[in-house]
Amino acid sequence: MKFVFLYVTATSKEEALKISSSLLEERLIACVNMFPIKSMYLGNDKIAKKNEYVLILKTEKGAVPLISKKIAKMHSYSIPCITEVSAEPNEEYSRWLMAQLVGKPHK
């Protein structure tokens, strides 16, 4: 099984919790780390600043299309940031991740 981390931004703590809880309950992700951030980007030729939350979702590569689809449905942004990063966890953590993801079928 190949593992990946998904880096996802959310507009608020509430949105981050909603997305994370849903994906955990469906066992599409094994774990999530979330923390507040300050984002800056160009919008209408001006620098925009926003408070957001980052989610680092730990899952297996095969689940990414379904996870991305579910995030897009729950997210308030029309184009949410969903970025896949390859991961090579140690053997013990890999076994733990696998056990979390195969506990019951994905919905």
N, C-alpha and C. Protein backbone atom coordinates (compact mmCIF):
# COMPACT_ATOMS: atom_id res chain seq x y z
N MET A 1 0.85 -1.17 0.00
CA MET A 1 0.00 0.00 0.00
C MET A 1 0.90 1.24 0.00
N LYS A 2 0.62 2.18 -0.89
CA LYS A 2 1.38 3.44 -0.95
C LYS A 2 0.63 4.50 -0.16
N PHE A 3 1.37 5.22 0.68
CA PHE A 3 0.76 6.24 1.52
C PHE A 3 1.09 7.63 1.00
N VAL A 4 0.16 8.54 1.24
CA VAL A 4 0.34 9.94 0.88
C VAL A 4 -0.18 10.82 2.01
N PHE A 5 0.30 12.03 2.02
CA PHE A 5 -0.26 13.07 2.88
C PHE A 5 -0.98 14.04 1.94
N LEU A 6 -2.15 14.47 2.33
CA LEU A 6 -2.85 15.50 1.59
C LEU A 6 -2.78 16.79 2.40
N TYR A 7 -2.31 17.84 1.79
CA TYR A 7 -2.24 19.16 2.39
C TYR A 7 -3.48 19.91 1.91
N VAL A 8 -4.34 20.27 2.85
CA VAL A 8 -5.62 20.91 2.51
C VAL A 8 -5.78 22.15 3.39
N THR A 9 -6.21 23.26 2.78
CA THR A 9 -6.52 24.43 3.59
C THR A 9 -8.03 24.52 3.77
N ALA A 10 -8.44 25.06 4.92
CA ALA A 10 -9.86 25.25 5.24
C ALA A 10 -10.05 26.69 5.71
N THR A 11 -11.25 27.21 5.52
CA THR A 11 -11.53 28.61 5.85
C THR A 11 -11.61 28.88 7.35
N SER A 12 -11.91 27.84 8.13
CA SER A 12 -12.12 28.04 9.57
C SER A 12 -11.88 26.74 10.32
N LYS A 13 -11.81 26.86 11.63
CA LYS A 13 -11.66 25.67 12.47
C LYS A 13 -12.87 24.75 12.29
N GLU A 14 -14.06 25.35 12.20
CA GLU A 14 -15.29 24.57 12.03
C GLU A 14 -15.26 23.77 10.74
N GLU A 15 -14.85 24.41 9.65
CA GLU A 15 -14.77 23.71 8.37
C GLU A 15 -13.72 22.60 8.43
N ALA A 16 -12.58 22.88 9.05
CA ALA A 16 -11.52 21.88 9.20
C ALA A 16 -12.02 20.67 9.98
N LEU A 17 -12.74 20.92 11.06
CA LEU A 17 -13.28 19.82 11.88
C LEU A 17 -14.34 19.02 11.11
N LYS A 18 -15.18 19.71 10.36
CA LYS A 18 -16.23 19.04 9.57
C LYS A 18 -15.61 18.10 8.54
N ILE A 19 -14.64 18.60 7.80
CA ILE A 19 -13.98 17.79 6.77
C ILE A 19 -13.25 16.61 7.42
N SER A 20 -12.48 16.89 8.45
CA SER A 20 -11.69 15.85 9.12
C SER A 20 -12.56 14.77 9.72
N SER A 21 -13.60 15.17 10.44
CA SER A 21 -14.49 14.20 11.10
C SER A 21 -15.16 13.29 10.09
N SER A 22 -15.65 13.87 9.01
CA SER A 22 -16.33 13.08 7.98
C SER A 22 -15.38 12.04 7.38
N LEU A 23 -14.18 12.45 7.03
CA LEU A 23 -13.23 11.52 6.41
C LEU A 23 -12.73 10.46 7.39
N LEU A 24 -12.58 10.83 8.66
CA LEU A 24 -12.19 9.84 9.68
C LEU A 24 -13.29 8.82 9.90
N GLU A 25 -14.54 9.29 10.01
CA GLU A 25 -15.67 8.37 10.24
C GLU A 25 -15.81 7.36 9.12
N GLU A 26 -15.50 7.78 7.90
CA GLU A 26 -15.59 6.87 6.75
C GLU A 26 -14.31 6.05 6.56
N ARG A 27 -13.33 6.26 7.43
CA ARG A 27 -12.03 5.59 7.36
C ARG A 27 -11.33 5.81 6.02
N LEU A 28 -11.55 6.98 5.45
CA LEU A 28 -10.83 7.36 4.24
C LEU A 28 -9.46 7.92 4.59
N ILE A 29 -9.32 8.41 5.82
CA ILE A 29 -8.03 8.86 6.32
C ILE A 29 -7.76 8.15 7.64
N ALA A 30 -6.48 7.98 7.95
CA ALA A 30 -6.11 7.32 9.21
C ALA A 30 -5.94 8.34 10.32
N CYS A 31 -5.55 9.55 9.94
CA CYS A 31 -5.17 10.55 10.94
C CYS A 31 -5.19 11.91 10.26
N VAL A 32 -5.35 12.95 11.06
CA VAL A 32 -5.25 14.32 10.55
C VAL A 32 -4.52 15.18 11.57
N ASN A 33 -3.67 16.05 11.07
CA ASN A 33 -3.07 17.11 11.89
C ASN A 33 -3.66 18.41 11.39
N MET A 34 -4.09 19.28 12.31
CA MET A 34 -4.63 20.57 11.87
C MET A 34 -4.07 21.68 12.74
N PHE A 35 -3.85 22.80 12.08
CA PHE A 35 -3.32 23.94 12.82
C PHE A 35 -3.66 25.24 12.09
N PRO A 36 -3.78 26.34 12.85
CA PRO A 36 -4.10 27.64 12.25
C PRO A 36 -2.89 28.22 11.51
N ILE A 37 -3.18 28.90 10.41
CA ILE A 37 -2.13 29.55 9.63
C ILE A 37 -2.60 30.93 9.18
N LYS A 38 -1.68 31.73 8.70
CA LYS A 38 -1.98 33.00 8.06
C LYS A 38 -1.54 32.84 6.61
N SER A 39 -2.48 33.01 5.66
CA SER A 39 -2.17 32.85 4.24
C SER A 39 -2.14 34.21 3.55
N MET A 40 -1.28 34.32 2.55
CA MET A 40 -1.21 35.52 1.72
C MET A 40 -1.19 35.08 0.26
N TYR A 41 -1.90 35.81 -0.58
CA TYR A 41 -1.94 35.50 -2.00
C TYR A 41 -2.33 36.76 -2.77
N LEU A 42 -2.12 36.73 -4.08
CA LEU A 42 -2.54 37.85 -4.92
C LEU A 42 -3.98 37.66 -5.34
N GLY A 43 -4.80 38.66 -5.07
CA GLY A 43 -6.20 38.65 -5.50
C GLY A 43 -6.53 40.03 -6.05
N ASN A 44 -6.95 40.09 -7.30
CA ASN A 44 -7.24 41.37 -7.96
C ASN A 44 -6.03 42.31 -7.90
N ASP A 45 -4.85 41.76 -8.15
CA ASP A 45 -3.59 42.51 -8.17
C ASP A 45 -3.21 43.14 -6.83
N LYS A 46 -3.81 42.65 -5.75
CA LYS A 46 -3.46 43.12 -4.41
C LYS A 46 -3.11 41.92 -3.55
N ILE A 47 -2.26 42.15 -2.56
CA ILE A 47 -1.95 41.07 -1.63
C ILE A 47 -3.09 40.93 -0.64
N ALA A 48 -3.67 39.74 -0.61
CA ALA A 48 -4.75 39.43 0.33
C ALA A 48 -4.17 38.60 1.47
N LYS A 49 -4.70 38.81 2.66
CA LYS A 49 -4.27 38.05 3.84
C LYS A 49 -5.50 37.40 4.47
N LYS A 50 -5.37 36.13 4.83
CA LYS A 50 -6.49 35.38 5.42
C LYS A 50 -6.00 34.48 6.53
N ASN A 51 -6.84 34.32 7.53
CA ASN A 51 -6.62 33.28 8.54
C ASN A 51 -7.28 32.02 8.02
N GLU A 52 -6.55 30.93 8.04
CA GLU A 52 -7.08 29.65 7.58
C GLU A 52 -6.59 28.55 8.53
N TYR A 53 -7.04 27.33 8.23
CA TYR A 53 -6.53 26.14 8.92
C TYR A 53 -5.93 25.23 7.88
N VAL A 54 -4.83 24.58 8.24
CA VAL A 54 -4.22 23.57 7.38
C VAL A 54 -4.55 22.21 7.95
N LEU A 55 -4.90 21.30 7.07
CA LEU A 55 -5.12 19.89 7.42
C LEU A 55 -4.04 19.09 6.71
N ILE A 56 -3.39 18.22 7.45
CA ILE A 56 -2.50 17.23 6.84
C ILE A 56 -3.18 15.88 7.06
N LEU A 57 -3.74 15.36 5.98
CA LEU A 57 -4.52 14.12 6.01
C LEU A 57 -3.61 12.96 5.62
N LYS A 58 -3.61 11.91 6.40
CA LYS A 58 -2.76 10.74 6.13
C LYS A 58 -3.63 9.61 5.62
N THR A 59 -3.30 9.12 4.42
CA THR A 59 -4.14 8.13 3.77
C THR A 59 -3.33 7.29 2.79
N GLU A 60 -4.03 6.44 2.05
CA GLU A 60 -3.37 5.64 1.01
C GLU A 60 -3.72 6.22 -0.36
N LYS A 61 -2.80 6.09 -1.28
CA LYS A 61 -2.90 6.74 -2.58
C LYS A 61 -4.19 6.43 -3.31
N GLY A 62 -4.66 5.21 -3.23
CA GLY A 62 -5.86 4.83 -3.95
C GLY A 62 -7.12 5.55 -3.50
N ALA A 63 -7.12 6.11 -2.31
CA ALA A 63 -8.30 6.80 -1.79
C ALA A 63 -8.35 8.28 -2.18
N VAL A 64 -7.28 8.80 -2.77
CA VAL A 64 -7.18 10.23 -3.04
C VAL A 64 -8.31 10.76 -3.93
N PRO A 65 -8.67 10.11 -5.04
CA PRO A 65 -9.76 10.66 -5.86
C PRO A 65 -11.08 10.81 -5.09
N LEU A 66 -11.43 9.81 -4.30
CA LEU A 66 -12.67 9.88 -3.52
C LEU A 66 -12.58 10.95 -2.44
N ILE A 67 -11.45 11.03 -1.76
CA ILE A 67 -11.26 12.05 -0.72
C ILE A 67 -11.36 13.44 -1.34
N SER A 68 -10.72 13.66 -2.46
CA SER A 68 -10.75 14.96 -3.13
C SER A 68 -12.18 15.36 -3.50
N LYS A 69 -12.93 14.40 -4.00
CA LYS A 69 -14.33 14.64 -4.37
C LYS A 69 -15.15 15.03 -3.14
N LYS A 70 -14.97 14.31 -2.05
CA LYS A 70 -15.72 14.59 -0.82
C LYS A 70 -15.33 15.95 -0.23
N ILE A 71 -14.04 16.28 -0.25
CA ILE A 71 -13.61 17.59 0.25
C ILE A 71 -14.25 18.69 -0.58
N ALA A 72 -14.23 18.55 -1.90
CA ALA A 72 -14.80 19.57 -2.78
C ALA A 72 -16.28 19.82 -2.47
N LYS A 73 -17.01 18.76 -2.12
CA LYS A 73 -18.44 18.91 -1.79
C LYS A 73 -18.65 19.63 -0.46
N MET A 74 -17.75 19.42 0.51
CA MET A 74 -17.91 20.02 1.84
C MET A 74 -17.28 21.40 1.96
N HIS A 75 -16.39 21.74 1.06
CA HIS A 75 -15.56 22.94 1.19
C HIS A 75 -16.30 24.19 0.74
N SER A 76 -16.02 25.31 1.39
CA SER A 76 -16.66 26.58 1.02
C SER A 76 -15.95 27.28 -0.14
N TYR A 77 -14.69 26.92 -0.42
CA TYR A 77 -14.00 27.50 -1.58
C TYR A 77 -14.45 26.79 -2.86
N SER A 78 -14.59 27.55 -3.94
CA SER A 78 -14.94 26.92 -5.22
C SER A 78 -13.76 26.10 -5.76
N ILE A 79 -12.54 26.51 -5.41
CA ILE A 79 -11.34 25.76 -5.80
C ILE A 79 -10.50 25.54 -4.54
N PRO A 80 -10.80 24.48 -3.78
CA PRO A 80 -10.02 24.24 -2.56
C PRO A 80 -8.61 23.75 -2.88
N CYS A 81 -7.69 24.07 -1.99
CA CYS A 81 -6.31 23.58 -2.11
C CYS A 81 -6.27 22.15 -1.59
N ILE A 82 -6.01 21.21 -2.48
CA ILE A 82 -5.85 19.80 -2.12
C ILE A 82 -4.57 19.35 -2.82
N THR A 83 -3.50 19.21 -2.06
CA THR A 83 -2.19 18.90 -2.63
C THR A 83 -1.68 17.57 -2.08
N GLU A 84 -1.33 16.68 -2.98
CA GLU A 84 -0.85 15.35 -2.59
C GLU A 84 0.67 15.33 -2.46
N VAL A 85 1.15 14.76 -1.36
CA VAL A 85 2.58 14.63 -1.11
C VAL A 85 2.88 13.16 -0.83
N SER A 86 3.81 12.58 -1.58
CA SER A 86 4.19 11.18 -1.33
C SER A 86 4.79 11.04 0.06
N ALA A 87 4.51 9.91 0.70
CA ALA A 87 5.02 9.67 2.05
C ALA A 87 5.60 8.26 2.13
N GLU A 88 6.69 8.12 2.84
CA GLU A 88 7.29 6.82 3.09
C GLU A 88 7.50 6.67 4.59
N PRO A 89 6.42 6.35 5.30
CA PRO A 89 6.54 6.22 6.76
C PRO A 89 7.33 4.97 7.14
N ASN A 90 7.82 4.97 8.39
CA ASN A 90 8.53 3.78 8.87
C ASN A 90 7.58 2.59 8.93
N GLU A 91 8.15 1.42 9.07
CA GLU A 91 7.37 0.17 8.98
C GLU A 91 6.25 0.09 10.02
N GLU A 92 6.55 0.44 11.26
CA GLU A 92 5.53 0.36 12.32
C GLU A 92 4.38 1.32 12.05
N TYR A 93 4.71 2.54 11.64
CA TYR A 93 3.67 3.53 11.37
C TYR A 93 2.86 3.12 10.14
N SER A 94 3.51 2.53 9.15
CA SER A 94 2.80 2.03 7.96
C SER A 94 1.76 0.99 8.35
N ARG A 95 2.14 0.08 9.25
CA ARG A 95 1.18 -0.94 9.71
C ARG A 95 0.01 -0.29 10.43
N TRP A 96 0.30 0.72 11.26
CA TRP A 96 -0.77 1.42 11.98
C TRP A 96 -1.70 2.12 11.01
N LEU A 97 -1.13 2.82 10.01
CA LEU A 97 -1.96 3.50 9.01
C LEU A 97 -2.87 2.51 8.30
N MET A 98 -2.30 1.39 7.87
CA MET A 98 -3.08 0.38 7.16
C MET A 98 -4.22 -0.14 8.03
N ALA A 99 -3.94 -0.41 9.29
CA ALA A 99 -4.98 -0.92 10.20
C ALA A 99 -6.12 0.08 10.36
N GLN A 100 -5.80 1.36 10.38
CA GLN A 100 -6.84 2.38 10.53
C GLN A 100 -7.71 2.47 9.28
N LEU A 101 -7.11 2.29 8.13
CA LEU A 101 -7.82 2.47 6.87
C LEU A 101 -8.65 1.27 6.46
N VAL A 102 -8.32 0.09 6.93
CA VAL A 102 -9.05 -1.11 6.49
C VAL A 102 -10.04 -1.61 7.54
N GLY A 103 -10.27 -0.85 8.57
CA GLY A 103 -11.17 -1.27 9.65
C GLY A 103 -12.59 -1.52 9.22
N LYS A 104 -13.07 -0.77 8.23
CA LYS A 104 -14.41 -0.98 7.67
C LYS A 104 -14.44 -0.38 6.27
N PRO A 105 -15.41 -0.78 5.46
CA PRO A 105 -15.44 -0.30 4.08
C PRO A 105 -15.66 1.21 3.99
N HIS A 106 -15.11 1.79 2.95
CA HIS A 106 -15.33 3.21 2.67
C HIS A 106 -16.75 3.40 2.14
N LYS A 107 -17.35 4.51 2.48
CA LYS A 107 -18.72 4.80 2.01
C LYS A 107 -18.68 5.50 0.67
